[in-house]
């Protein structure tokens, strides 16, 4: 739930954008991160009574915020506890860039490069080999579109993070 009372007061700006890093610092300081295996941490939610699984090797979290924004305080808090604030800031920045690049690629694929008219999605396929970015492996997808006017078919590769499967 993105409208939790602690979130609206402590870690958001006037537009209700969450400051993920400050929220993560609070989670780490409260001791809500617990390592469960070599690369997996369990992070207690501050707004609910549940836990989220964070996989530091694949840079994923099973929470809604990670699914929709591609970043979350649980992941960053686990990075802070396990690898320090400097590494956590680098991971935060890498995920921000991946999301910005993905959003730009998706937006560009909506119009035909040849005639500028709208395109239609034909296929979205996950590529088998992950891509190494900033010492982390990210999933890559191929987005295939076809122009509704001239029929031009275009492929775009997109780096992204997806919600980890349970």
N, C-alpha and C. Protein backbone atom coordinates (compact mmCIF):
# COMPACT_ATOMS: atom_id res chain seq x y z
N UNK A 1 0.85 -1.17 0.00
CA UNK A 1 0.00 0.00 0.00
C UNK A 1 0.89 1.23 0.00
N UNK A 2 0.80 2.04 -1.04
CA UNK A 2 1.70 3.17 -1.17
C UNK A 2 1.26 4.39 -0.39
N UNK A 3 0.12 4.37 0.23
CA UNK A 3 -0.33 5.55 0.95
C UNK A 3 -0.22 5.43 2.45
N UNK A 4 0.67 4.60 2.93
CA UNK A 4 0.84 4.40 4.37
C UNK A 4 1.19 5.70 5.07
N UNK A 5 0.75 5.85 6.33
CA UNK A 5 0.93 7.12 7.03
C UNK A 5 2.40 7.44 7.28
N UNK A 6 3.25 6.45 7.63
CA UNK A 6 4.67 6.74 7.87
C UNK A 6 5.32 7.25 6.60
N UNK A 7 4.91 6.73 5.46
CA UNK A 7 5.52 7.10 4.19
C UNK A 7 5.16 8.54 3.83
N UNK A 8 3.94 8.94 4.09
CA UNK A 8 3.52 10.28 3.70
C UNK A 8 4.19 11.36 4.56
N UNK A 9 4.57 11.03 5.78
CA UNK A 9 5.19 12.03 6.64
C UNK A 9 6.71 12.02 6.59
N UNK A 10 7.30 10.86 6.73
CA UNK A 10 8.74 10.78 6.92
C UNK A 10 9.58 10.86 5.66
N UNK A 11 9.20 10.14 4.62
CA UNK A 11 10.13 9.92 3.51
C UNK A 11 9.58 10.32 2.15
N UNK A 12 8.69 11.29 2.10
CA UNK A 12 8.18 11.74 0.81
C UNK A 12 8.34 13.25 0.69
N UNK A 13 8.36 13.69 -0.57
CA UNK A 13 8.41 15.13 -0.82
C UNK A 13 6.98 15.65 -1.02
N UNK A 14 6.85 16.88 -1.46
CA UNK A 14 5.53 17.50 -1.64
C UNK A 14 4.67 16.82 -2.70
N UNK A 15 5.31 16.06 -3.60
CA UNK A 15 4.57 15.35 -4.65
C UNK A 15 4.35 13.90 -4.29
N UNK A 16 4.64 13.54 -3.04
CA UNK A 16 4.48 12.19 -2.51
C UNK A 16 5.41 11.19 -3.18
N UNK A 17 6.57 11.66 -3.67
CA UNK A 17 7.61 10.76 -4.17
C UNK A 17 8.41 10.25 -2.98
N UNK A 18 8.59 8.95 -2.92
CA UNK A 18 9.30 8.33 -1.81
C UNK A 18 10.80 8.51 -1.97
N UNK A 19 11.47 8.94 -0.92
CA UNK A 19 12.93 8.98 -0.90
C UNK A 19 13.39 7.60 -0.45
N UNK A 20 13.66 6.75 -1.43
CA UNK A 20 13.96 5.35 -1.17
C UNK A 20 15.18 5.21 -0.26
N UNK A 21 16.20 6.01 -0.49
CA UNK A 21 17.43 5.85 0.30
C UNK A 21 17.21 6.20 1.77
N UNK A 22 16.52 7.30 2.06
CA UNK A 22 16.25 7.67 3.45
C UNK A 22 15.38 6.62 4.15
N UNK A 23 14.40 6.11 3.43
CA UNK A 23 13.55 5.07 3.98
C UNK A 23 14.38 3.81 4.27
N UNK A 24 15.28 3.47 3.36
CA UNK A 24 16.15 2.29 3.54
C UNK A 24 17.07 2.48 4.74
N UNK A 25 17.60 3.68 4.92
CA UNK A 25 18.45 3.95 6.08
C UNK A 25 17.69 3.70 7.38
N UNK A 26 16.43 4.11 7.42
CA UNK A 26 15.61 3.91 8.62
C UNK A 26 15.37 2.42 8.86
N UNK A 27 15.08 1.68 7.80
CA UNK A 27 14.86 0.23 7.92
C UNK A 27 16.12 -0.44 8.45
N UNK A 28 17.27 -0.08 7.88
CA UNK A 28 18.55 -0.66 8.32
C UNK A 28 18.85 -0.30 9.78
N UNK A 29 18.60 0.97 10.15
CA UNK A 29 18.88 1.43 11.51
C UNK A 29 17.99 0.73 12.55
N UNK A 30 16.77 0.38 12.14
CA UNK A 30 15.84 -0.28 13.07
C UNK A 30 16.11 -1.78 13.18
N UNK A 31 17.09 -2.29 12.42
CA UNK A 31 17.43 -3.71 12.51
C UNK A 31 16.39 -4.63 11.90
N UNK A 32 15.73 -4.19 10.83
CA UNK A 32 14.67 -4.97 10.22
C UNK A 32 15.16 -5.88 9.09
N UNK A 33 16.48 -5.97 8.92
CA UNK A 33 17.07 -6.80 7.86
C UNK A 33 17.72 -8.02 8.51
N UNK A 34 17.41 -9.20 7.97
CA UNK A 34 17.98 -10.43 8.49
C UNK A 34 18.43 -11.30 7.31
N UNK A 35 19.68 -11.72 7.35
CA UNK A 35 20.21 -12.59 6.30
C UNK A 35 19.65 -13.99 6.50
N UNK A 36 19.15 -14.60 5.40
CA UNK A 36 18.63 -15.97 5.49
C UNK A 36 19.46 -16.96 4.68
N UNK A 37 20.27 -16.46 3.76
CA UNK A 37 21.22 -17.31 3.03
C UNK A 37 22.36 -16.42 2.55
N UNK A 38 23.24 -16.97 1.74
CA UNK A 38 24.41 -16.21 1.30
C UNK A 38 24.03 -14.95 0.54
N UNK A 39 22.97 -15.01 -0.28
CA UNK A 39 22.60 -13.84 -1.09
C UNK A 39 21.21 -13.32 -0.80
N UNK A 40 20.46 -13.97 0.07
CA UNK A 40 19.07 -13.58 0.33
C UNK A 40 18.91 -13.01 1.74
N UNK A 41 18.21 -11.89 1.81
CA UNK A 41 17.87 -11.28 3.10
C UNK A 41 16.36 -11.19 3.22
N UNK A 42 15.90 -11.22 4.44
CA UNK A 42 14.49 -11.03 4.73
C UNK A 42 14.38 -9.65 5.39
N UNK A 43 13.50 -8.81 4.86
CA UNK A 43 13.36 -7.45 5.36
C UNK A 43 11.93 -7.25 5.83
N UNK A 44 11.77 -6.85 7.10
CA UNK A 44 10.43 -6.61 7.66
C UNK A 44 9.90 -5.29 7.13
N UNK A 45 8.66 -5.32 6.71
CA UNK A 45 7.99 -4.12 6.23
C UNK A 45 7.71 -3.19 7.41
N UNK A 46 7.89 -1.89 7.19
CA UNK A 46 7.59 -0.93 8.25
C UNK A 46 6.10 -0.60 8.29
N UNK A 47 5.41 -0.78 7.15
CA UNK A 47 4.01 -0.39 7.09
C UNK A 47 3.05 -1.56 7.33
N UNK A 48 3.55 -2.78 7.24
CA UNK A 48 2.72 -3.97 7.44
C UNK A 48 3.46 -4.95 8.33
N UNK A 49 2.81 -6.02 8.66
CA UNK A 49 3.44 -7.03 9.53
C UNK A 49 4.05 -8.18 8.74
N UNK A 50 4.39 -7.96 7.48
CA UNK A 50 4.96 -9.04 6.68
C UNK A 50 6.43 -8.79 6.37
N UNK A 51 7.05 -9.78 5.76
CA UNK A 51 8.46 -9.73 5.39
C UNK A 51 8.59 -9.80 3.87
N UNK A 52 9.66 -9.21 3.35
CA UNK A 52 9.95 -9.27 1.92
C UNK A 52 11.29 -9.95 1.72
N UNK A 53 11.35 -10.80 0.70
CA UNK A 53 12.59 -11.48 0.35
C UNK A 53 13.36 -10.64 -0.65
N UNK A 54 14.62 -10.33 -0.31
CA UNK A 54 15.51 -9.56 -1.17
C UNK A 54 16.65 -10.47 -1.59
N UNK A 55 16.85 -10.60 -2.90
CA UNK A 55 17.96 -11.37 -3.43
C UNK A 55 19.02 -10.39 -3.90
N UNK A 56 20.12 -10.29 -3.18
CA UNK A 56 21.17 -9.32 -3.50
C UNK A 56 21.93 -9.71 -4.77
N UNK A 57 22.01 -10.99 -5.07
CA UNK A 57 22.73 -11.43 -6.28
C UNK A 57 21.99 -11.01 -7.54
N UNK A 58 20.67 -11.16 -7.55
CA UNK A 58 19.90 -10.79 -8.74
C UNK A 58 19.28 -9.40 -8.63
N UNK A 59 19.52 -8.71 -7.51
CA UNK A 59 19.03 -7.35 -7.26
C UNK A 59 17.52 -7.30 -7.43
N UNK A 60 16.80 -8.12 -6.65
CA UNK A 60 15.35 -8.15 -6.71
C UNK A 60 14.73 -8.19 -5.32
N UNK A 61 13.48 -7.74 -5.27
CA UNK A 61 12.68 -7.82 -4.05
C UNK A 61 11.29 -8.26 -4.49
N UNK A 62 10.57 -8.95 -3.60
CA UNK A 62 9.25 -9.44 -3.96
C UNK A 62 8.11 -8.48 -3.57
N UNK A 63 8.42 -7.22 -3.27
CA UNK A 63 7.38 -6.27 -2.87
C UNK A 63 6.75 -5.56 -4.09
N UNK A 64 5.60 -4.93 -3.86
CA UNK A 64 4.90 -4.21 -4.92
C UNK A 64 5.70 -3.02 -5.43
N UNK A 65 6.35 -2.29 -4.56
CA UNK A 65 7.11 -1.11 -4.97
C UNK A 65 8.19 -1.49 -5.97
N UNK A 66 8.89 -2.60 -5.72
CA UNK A 66 9.93 -3.03 -6.65
C UNK A 66 9.31 -3.42 -7.98
N UNK A 67 8.17 -4.08 -7.94
CA UNK A 67 7.50 -4.49 -9.17
C UNK A 67 7.15 -3.29 -10.03
N UNK A 68 6.65 -2.23 -9.43
CA UNK A 68 6.17 -1.08 -10.21
C UNK A 68 7.23 -0.02 -10.46
N UNK A 69 8.15 0.19 -9.51
CA UNK A 69 9.16 1.25 -9.68
C UNK A 69 10.54 0.71 -10.07
N UNK A 70 10.75 -0.58 -9.89
CA UNK A 70 12.06 -1.15 -10.19
C UNK A 70 13.10 -0.86 -9.12
N UNK A 71 12.65 -0.38 -7.96
CA UNK A 71 13.52 -0.08 -6.84
C UNK A 71 12.66 -0.05 -5.59
N UNK A 72 13.26 -0.34 -4.45
CA UNK A 72 12.48 -0.27 -3.21
C UNK A 72 13.42 -0.11 -2.02
N UNK A 73 12.86 0.34 -0.92
CA UNK A 73 13.64 0.55 0.30
C UNK A 73 14.13 -0.76 0.89
N UNK A 74 13.40 -1.85 0.69
CA UNK A 74 13.81 -3.15 1.24
C UNK A 74 15.14 -3.58 0.62
N UNK A 75 15.22 -3.48 -0.70
CA UNK A 75 16.45 -3.86 -1.42
C UNK A 75 17.62 -2.98 -0.98
N UNK A 76 17.39 -1.68 -0.92
CA UNK A 76 18.46 -0.75 -0.56
C UNK A 76 18.88 -0.96 0.90
N UNK A 77 17.92 -1.22 1.79
CA UNK A 77 18.25 -1.48 3.20
C UNK A 77 19.12 -2.74 3.33
N UNK A 78 18.78 -3.77 2.59
CA UNK A 78 19.60 -4.98 2.62
C UNK A 78 21.00 -4.70 2.10
N UNK A 79 21.11 -3.89 1.06
CA UNK A 79 22.43 -3.50 0.53
C UNK A 79 23.22 -2.72 1.57
N UNK A 80 22.55 -1.81 2.28
CA UNK A 80 23.22 -1.02 3.32
C UNK A 80 23.79 -1.95 4.40
N UNK A 81 22.97 -2.87 4.88
CA UNK A 81 23.39 -3.76 5.96
C UNK A 81 24.50 -4.71 5.50
N UNK A 82 24.37 -5.27 4.32
CA UNK A 82 25.32 -6.28 3.85
C UNK A 82 26.58 -5.70 3.20
N UNK A 83 26.44 -4.58 2.48
CA UNK A 83 27.56 -4.07 1.69
C UNK A 83 27.93 -2.61 1.95
N UNK A 84 27.20 -1.92 2.80
CA UNK A 84 27.51 -0.54 3.13
C UNK A 84 26.75 0.48 2.29
N UNK A 85 26.74 1.73 2.78
CA UNK A 85 25.96 2.78 2.13
C UNK A 85 26.47 3.16 0.75
N UNK A 86 27.78 3.12 0.55
CA UNK A 86 28.33 3.48 -0.75
C UNK A 86 27.83 2.52 -1.84
N UNK A 87 27.88 1.24 -1.58
CA UNK A 87 27.39 0.25 -2.53
C UNK A 87 25.88 0.40 -2.73
N UNK A 88 25.16 0.66 -1.64
CA UNK A 88 23.71 0.83 -1.74
C UNK A 88 23.36 2.03 -2.63
N UNK A 89 24.10 3.13 -2.49
CA UNK A 89 23.87 4.30 -3.35
C UNK A 89 24.15 3.96 -4.81
N UNK A 90 25.20 3.19 -5.08
CA UNK A 90 25.53 2.79 -6.45
C UNK A 90 24.43 1.91 -7.04
N UNK A 91 23.89 0.99 -6.25
CA UNK A 91 22.80 0.13 -6.71
C UNK A 91 21.56 0.97 -6.99
N UNK A 92 21.26 1.91 -6.10
CA UNK A 92 20.11 2.82 -6.29
C UNK A 92 20.24 3.58 -7.62
N UNK A 93 21.41 4.12 -7.87
CA UNK A 93 21.65 4.89 -9.10
C UNK A 93 21.56 3.98 -10.32
N UNK A 94 22.11 2.79 -10.26
CA UNK A 94 22.04 1.86 -11.38
C UNK A 94 20.60 1.51 -11.70
N UNK A 95 19.78 1.22 -10.68
CA UNK A 95 18.38 0.89 -10.91
C UNK A 95 17.61 2.08 -11.46
N UNK A 96 17.94 3.31 -11.01
CA UNK A 96 17.30 4.51 -11.54
C UNK A 96 17.59 4.66 -13.03
N UNK A 97 18.87 4.45 -13.42
CA UNK A 97 19.25 4.56 -14.83
C UNK A 97 18.59 3.48 -15.68
N UNK A 98 18.54 2.25 -15.16
CA UNK A 98 17.90 1.16 -15.89
C UNK A 98 16.44 1.49 -16.15
N UNK A 99 15.73 2.01 -15.13
CA UNK A 99 14.32 2.36 -15.29
C UNK A 99 14.15 3.49 -16.29
N UNK A 100 14.99 4.52 -16.22
CA UNK A 100 14.89 5.64 -17.16
C UNK A 100 15.15 5.18 -18.58
N UNK A 101 16.16 4.35 -18.78
CA UNK A 101 16.47 3.84 -20.12
C UNK A 101 15.35 2.94 -20.64
N UNK A 102 14.81 2.10 -19.76
CA UNK A 102 13.70 1.24 -20.16
C UNK A 102 12.49 2.05 -20.56
N UNK A 103 12.13 3.04 -19.74
CA UNK A 103 10.98 3.87 -20.05
C UNK A 103 11.16 4.61 -21.38
N UNK A 104 12.37 5.11 -21.64
CA UNK A 104 12.65 5.81 -22.90
C UNK A 104 12.55 4.86 -24.08
N UNK A 105 13.08 3.64 -23.94
CA UNK A 105 13.02 2.66 -25.03
C UNK A 105 11.59 2.25 -25.33
N UNK A 106 10.80 2.03 -24.29
CA UNK A 106 9.39 1.66 -24.48
C UNK A 106 8.64 2.81 -25.17
N UNK A 107 8.87 4.03 -24.71
CA UNK A 107 8.21 5.19 -25.32
C UNK A 107 8.59 5.34 -26.79
N UNK A 108 9.88 5.17 -27.11
CA UNK A 108 10.35 5.29 -28.49
C UNK A 108 9.75 4.20 -29.38
N UNK A 109 9.51 3.01 -28.81
CA UNK A 109 8.97 1.91 -29.61
C UNK A 109 7.50 2.09 -29.96
N UNK A 110 6.84 3.07 -29.38
CA UNK A 110 5.41 3.30 -29.64
C UNK A 110 5.16 3.99 -30.97
N UNK A 111 6.21 4.55 -31.58
CA UNK A 111 6.07 5.19 -32.89
C UNK A 111 7.09 4.59 -33.85
N UNK A 112 6.70 4.52 -35.12
CA UNK A 112 7.54 3.93 -36.16
C UNK A 112 8.71 4.87 -36.49
N UNK A 113 9.92 4.31 -36.55
CA UNK A 113 11.10 5.10 -36.90
C UNK A 113 11.06 5.52 -38.36
N UNK A 114 10.35 4.78 -39.19
CA UNK A 114 10.29 5.05 -40.63
C UNK A 114 9.27 6.15 -40.97
N UNK A 115 8.05 6.02 -40.44
CA UNK A 115 6.99 6.97 -40.84
C UNK A 115 6.42 7.79 -39.68
N UNK A 116 6.80 7.46 -38.43
CA UNK A 116 6.34 8.24 -37.28
C UNK A 116 4.93 7.92 -36.81
N UNK A 117 4.31 6.92 -37.37
CA UNK A 117 2.94 6.55 -36.98
C UNK A 117 2.96 5.54 -35.82
N UNK A 118 1.83 5.29 -35.18
CA UNK A 118 1.77 4.37 -34.04
C UNK A 118 2.13 2.93 -34.43
N UNK A 119 2.74 2.23 -33.48
CA UNK A 119 3.07 0.82 -33.66
C UNK A 119 2.21 -0.03 -32.76
N UNK A 120 2.23 -1.33 -33.04
CA UNK A 120 1.50 -2.30 -32.23
C UNK A 120 2.50 -3.34 -31.74
N UNK A 121 2.38 -3.73 -30.48
CA UNK A 121 3.25 -4.75 -29.91
C UNK A 121 2.94 -6.09 -30.53
N UNK A 122 3.99 -6.76 -31.04
CA UNK A 122 3.83 -8.10 -31.60
C UNK A 122 4.28 -9.13 -30.57
N UNK A 123 5.44 -8.86 -29.94
CA UNK A 123 5.99 -9.85 -29.02
C UNK A 123 6.89 -9.16 -28.00
N UNK A 124 6.85 -9.66 -26.78
CA UNK A 124 7.78 -9.27 -25.73
C UNK A 124 8.41 -10.56 -25.23
N UNK A 125 9.69 -10.78 -25.53
CA UNK A 125 10.35 -12.03 -25.19
C UNK A 125 11.55 -11.79 -24.29
N UNK A 126 11.64 -12.59 -23.23
CA UNK A 126 12.80 -12.49 -22.33
C UNK A 126 13.99 -13.16 -23.02
N UNK A 127 15.12 -12.47 -23.05
CA UNK A 127 16.34 -13.04 -23.62
C UNK A 127 16.95 -14.00 -22.61
N UNK A 128 17.55 -15.06 -23.08
CA UNK A 128 18.05 -16.12 -22.21
C UNK A 128 19.27 -15.72 -21.39
N UNK A 129 20.09 -14.81 -21.92
CA UNK A 129 21.33 -14.44 -21.25
C UNK A 129 21.15 -13.11 -20.53
N UNK A 130 21.36 -13.06 -19.21
CA UNK A 130 21.28 -11.78 -18.51
C UNK A 130 22.43 -10.86 -18.92
N UNK A 131 22.24 -9.57 -18.74
CA UNK A 131 23.23 -8.56 -19.13
C UNK A 131 23.91 -8.04 -17.87
N UNK A 132 25.24 -7.94 -17.90
CA UNK A 132 25.99 -7.44 -16.76
C UNK A 132 26.07 -5.92 -16.83
N UNK A 133 25.51 -5.23 -15.82
CA UNK A 133 25.56 -3.78 -15.72
C UNK A 133 25.99 -3.43 -14.31
N UNK A 134 27.05 -2.66 -14.17
CA UNK A 134 27.55 -2.23 -12.86
C UNK A 134 27.73 -3.42 -11.91
N UNK A 135 28.34 -4.49 -12.44
CA UNK A 135 28.62 -5.71 -11.68
C UNK A 135 27.37 -6.43 -11.18
N UNK A 136 26.22 -6.16 -11.79
CA UNK A 136 24.97 -6.84 -11.45
C UNK A 136 24.35 -7.37 -12.73
N UNK A 137 23.72 -8.54 -12.65
CA UNK A 137 23.05 -9.10 -13.82
C UNK A 137 21.61 -8.60 -13.87
N UNK A 138 21.23 -8.09 -15.04
CA UNK A 138 19.87 -7.61 -15.26
C UNK A 138 19.22 -8.44 -16.35
N UNK A 139 17.91 -8.57 -16.28
CA UNK A 139 17.18 -9.27 -17.33
C UNK A 139 17.08 -8.39 -18.55
N UNK A 140 17.11 -9.00 -19.72
CA UNK A 140 16.95 -8.27 -20.97
C UNK A 140 15.76 -8.85 -21.72
N UNK A 141 14.99 -7.96 -22.34
CA UNK A 141 13.81 -8.36 -23.11
C UNK A 141 13.93 -7.79 -24.52
N UNK A 142 13.37 -8.51 -25.47
CA UNK A 142 13.29 -7.99 -26.83
C UNK A 142 11.83 -7.62 -27.08
N UNK A 143 11.62 -6.36 -27.41
CA UNK A 143 10.30 -5.81 -27.69
C UNK A 143 10.17 -5.71 -29.21
N UNK A 144 9.24 -6.43 -29.79
CA UNK A 144 9.03 -6.41 -31.24
C UNK A 144 7.72 -5.72 -31.54
N UNK A 145 7.77 -4.69 -32.40
CA UNK A 145 6.58 -3.92 -32.76
C UNK A 145 6.42 -3.89 -34.28
N UNK A 146 5.20 -3.62 -34.73
CA UNK A 146 4.91 -3.46 -36.15
C UNK A 146 4.11 -2.17 -36.33
N UNK A 147 4.53 -1.36 -37.31
CA UNK A 147 3.83 -0.11 -37.61
C UNK A 147 2.45 -0.44 -38.17
N UNK A 148 1.43 0.24 -37.66
CA UNK A 148 0.06 0.01 -38.12
C UNK A 148 -0.17 0.60 -39.50
N UNK A 149 0.71 1.52 -39.97
CA UNK A 149 0.54 2.17 -41.26
C UNK A 149 1.41 1.54 -42.34
N UNK A 150 2.73 1.51 -42.14
CA UNK A 150 3.64 1.05 -43.20
C UNK A 150 4.07 -0.41 -43.03
N UNK A 151 3.78 -1.03 -41.90
CA UNK A 151 4.10 -2.43 -41.69
C UNK A 151 5.54 -2.70 -41.25
N UNK A 152 6.33 -1.65 -41.01
CA UNK A 152 7.72 -1.80 -40.58
C UNK A 152 7.77 -2.55 -39.24
N UNK A 153 8.61 -3.60 -39.18
CA UNK A 153 8.80 -4.37 -37.94
C UNK A 153 10.11 -3.92 -37.30
N UNK A 154 10.07 -3.63 -36.00
CA UNK A 154 11.25 -3.16 -35.27
C UNK A 154 11.45 -3.96 -34.01
N UNK A 155 12.72 -4.21 -33.68
CA UNK A 155 13.10 -4.88 -32.43
C UNK A 155 13.85 -3.90 -31.55
N UNK A 156 13.52 -3.89 -30.26
CA UNK A 156 14.22 -3.06 -29.29
C UNK A 156 14.57 -3.94 -28.10
N UNK A 157 15.83 -3.90 -27.65
CA UNK A 157 16.21 -4.63 -26.45
C UNK A 157 16.09 -3.71 -25.25
N UNK A 158 15.50 -4.22 -24.19
CA UNK A 158 15.22 -3.43 -23.00
C UNK A 158 15.79 -4.16 -21.78
N UNK A 159 16.57 -3.43 -20.98
CA UNK A 159 17.05 -3.96 -19.70
C UNK A 159 16.01 -3.63 -18.64
N UNK A 160 15.75 -4.57 -17.77
CA UNK A 160 14.76 -4.32 -16.74
C UNK A 160 14.99 -5.24 -15.55
N UNK A 161 14.30 -4.98 -14.51
CA UNK A 161 14.22 -5.87 -13.36
C UNK A 161 12.75 -6.20 -13.19
N UNK A 162 12.48 -7.44 -12.92
CA UNK A 162 11.11 -7.88 -12.73
C UNK A 162 10.97 -8.43 -11.32
N UNK A 163 9.75 -8.51 -10.86
CA UNK A 163 9.50 -9.08 -9.54
C UNK A 163 10.01 -10.51 -9.53
N UNK A 164 10.74 -10.87 -8.50
CA UNK A 164 11.26 -12.24 -8.45
C UNK A 164 10.13 -13.20 -8.18
N UNK A 165 10.19 -14.37 -8.79
CA UNK A 165 9.15 -15.37 -8.59
C UNK A 165 9.37 -16.08 -7.27
N UNK A 166 8.33 -16.49 -6.68
CA UNK A 166 8.40 -17.19 -5.38
C UNK A 166 8.60 -18.65 -5.59
